[in-house]
C-alpha cells in the first residue's frame, strides 16, 4: 500500500509560479513510474509529466513543456512539480500517481487556480 499526499496548490496570478509536492509513504526509489496529472470539471484527466525509475528520464505533455519541471527527492520521498508562467487554462485539480509492481496509487489532488 502506498499513500500519496499532494500539497502546494492555491490561487496564483497569470504569469506566476507554484511548486506542488507529492509526499509518498514509501520510498520513491521503489516506484518504477511516478506521474502528475490534472483535471478540470467535466474533462478527462490529462497526463502532465512522467518520471521513470531513477528520474533520469522525464516526459512532459506538449501543453506544459517548457513551463514545468518534475522531479523527485529520495531523502524525503517526495515528488515535485515546479510550474512557471502559469496561464488561466492551467486551472485544474492536480493529482500525483505512482506505479509499484502491478498497482497504481493516486493522491487526493490539490487545486490550482490561475486568476487575476
Protein backbone atom coordinates (compact mmCIF):
# COMPACT_ATOMS: atom_id res chain seq x y z
CA UNK A 1 0.00 0.00 0.00
CA UNK A 2 1.24 3.48 -0.90
CA UNK A 3 -0.24 6.73 0.31
CA UNK A 4 0.33 9.89 -1.70
CA UNK A 5 -0.47 13.35 -0.37
CA UNK A 6 -0.34 16.40 -2.62
CA UNK A 7 0.13 19.94 -1.36
CA UNK A 8 1.15 23.35 -2.64
CA UNK A 9 -1.87 24.28 -4.70
CA UNK A 10 -3.61 27.61 -4.42
CA UNK A 11 -4.51 30.83 -6.16
CA UNK A 12 -1.89 32.44 -8.35
CA UNK A 13 -1.96 35.28 -10.85
CA UNK A 14 -1.33 34.65 -14.56
CA UNK A 15 2.39 34.54 -15.18
CA UNK A 16 3.07 33.39 -11.64
CA UNK A 17 4.70 30.25 -10.28
CA UNK A 18 3.81 27.40 -7.96
CA UNK A 19 5.52 24.30 -6.65
CA UNK A 20 3.39 21.26 -5.96
CA UNK A 21 4.56 18.45 -3.71
CA UNK A 22 3.54 14.81 -3.53
CA UNK A 23 4.68 13.07 -0.36
CA UNK A 24 4.88 9.30 -0.57
CA UNK A 25 4.54 6.85 2.32
CA UNK A 26 7.03 4.56 0.60
CA UNK A 27 10.39 5.13 -0.97
CA UNK A 28 10.07 6.93 -4.31
CA UNK A 29 13.01 4.84 -5.48
CA UNK A 30 10.81 1.75 -5.32
CA UNK A 31 8.31 3.16 -7.83
CA UNK A 32 9.11 2.31 -11.43
CA UNK A 33 6.98 5.22 -12.54
CA UNK A 34 5.51 8.35 -10.95
CA UNK A 35 3.35 10.92 -12.65
CA UNK A 36 1.48 14.20 -12.39
CA UNK A 37 -2.00 14.56 -13.89
CA UNK A 38 -4.52 17.37 -13.95
CA UNK A 39 -8.25 17.55 -14.44
CA UNK A 40 -10.84 20.25 -14.96
CA UNK A 41 -14.54 19.70 -14.17
CA UNK A 42 -16.21 17.74 -16.94
CA UNK A 43 -12.94 16.90 -18.64
CA UNK A 44 -10.76 13.81 -18.76
CA UNK A 45 -7.71 13.58 -16.57
CA UNK A 46 -4.65 14.74 -18.51
CA UNK A 47 -1.13 13.40 -18.06
CA UNK A 48 1.24 16.28 -17.40
CA UNK A 49 4.57 14.68 -16.53
CA UNK A 50 6.04 11.22 -16.04
CA UNK A 51 9.16 10.35 -14.09
CA UNK A 52 10.63 6.94 -14.87
CA UNK A 53 12.53 4.85 -12.33
CA UNK A 54 15.63 6.74 -11.24
CA UNK A 55 14.37 10.06 -12.54
CA UNK A 56 16.85 10.19 -15.38
CA UNK A 57 14.02 10.10 -17.91
CA UNK A 58 11.13 12.55 -17.60
CA UNK A 59 8.38 13.11 -20.16
CA UNK A 60 6.17 16.19 -20.41
CA UNK A 61 2.89 16.93 -22.16
CA UNK A 62 3.20 19.37 -25.06
CA UNK A 63 0.71 21.71 -23.37
CA UNK A 64 3.12 22.37 -20.49
CA UNK A 65 6.53 21.67 -21.97
CA UNK A 66 9.00 24.42 -21.18
CA UNK A 67 6.93 25.75 -18.28
CA UNK A 68 7.08 22.89 -15.81
CA UNK A 69 9.77 20.74 -14.22
CA UNK A 70 9.06 17.44 -12.48
CA UNK A 71 11.49 15.91 -10.04
CA UNK A 72 11.64 13.56 -7.09
CA UNK A 73 13.75 13.56 -3.97
CA UNK A 74 14.77 10.34 -2.28
CA UNK A 75 15.81 11.95 1.02
CA UNK A 76 12.20 12.86 1.85
CA UNK A 77 10.30 10.58 -0.59
CA UNK A 78 8.61 13.48 -2.30
CA UNK A 79 7.85 14.24 -5.93
CA UNK A 80 7.63 17.85 -7.08
CA UNK A 81 6.08 19.80 -9.92
CA UNK A 82 7.53 23.25 -10.45
CA UNK A 83 5.25 25.39 -12.61
CA UNK A 84 6.04 28.82 -14.01
CA UNK A 85 4.44 31.26 -16.45
CA UNK A 86 1.09 29.91 -15.35
CA UNK A 87 -1.91 30.53 -17.59
CA UNK A 88 -5.63 30.63 -16.81
CA UNK A 89 -6.04 27.36 -18.67
CA UNK A 90 -3.71 25.70 -16.16
CA UNK A 91 -6.53 25.95 -13.62
CA UNK A 92 -7.16 22.33 -12.69
CA UNK A 93 -7.02 19.86 -9.84
CA UNK A 94 -3.55 18.33 -9.93
CA UNK A 95 -3.01 14.70 -8.93
CA UNK A 96 0.07 12.61 -8.45
CA UNK A 97 0.21 8.90 -9.00
CA UNK A 98 2.69 6.11 -8.61
CA UNK A 99 3.18 2.63 -10.00
CA UNK A 100 4.60 -0.08 -7.77
CA UNK A 101 4.64 -3.62 -9.14
CA UNK A 102 1.19 -4.13 -10.71
CA UNK A 103 -0.54 -1.49 -8.58
CA UNK A 104 -1.35 2.14 -9.26
CA UNK A 105 -1.87 4.64 -6.46
CA UNK A 106 -3.36 8.13 -6.52
CA UNK A 107 -3.29 11.13 -4.27
CA UNK A 108 -6.38 13.14 -3.37
CA UNK A 109 -5.47 16.11 -5.57
CA UNK A 110 -4.66 19.76 -4.98
CA UNK A 111 -6.47 22.67 -6.62
CA UNK A 112 -4.52 25.17 -8.70
CA UNK A 113 -6.40 28.30 -9.72
CA UNK A 114 -4.81 30.84 -12.04
CA UNK A 115 -6.73 34.09 -11.92
CA UNK A 116 -6.22 37.80 -11.51
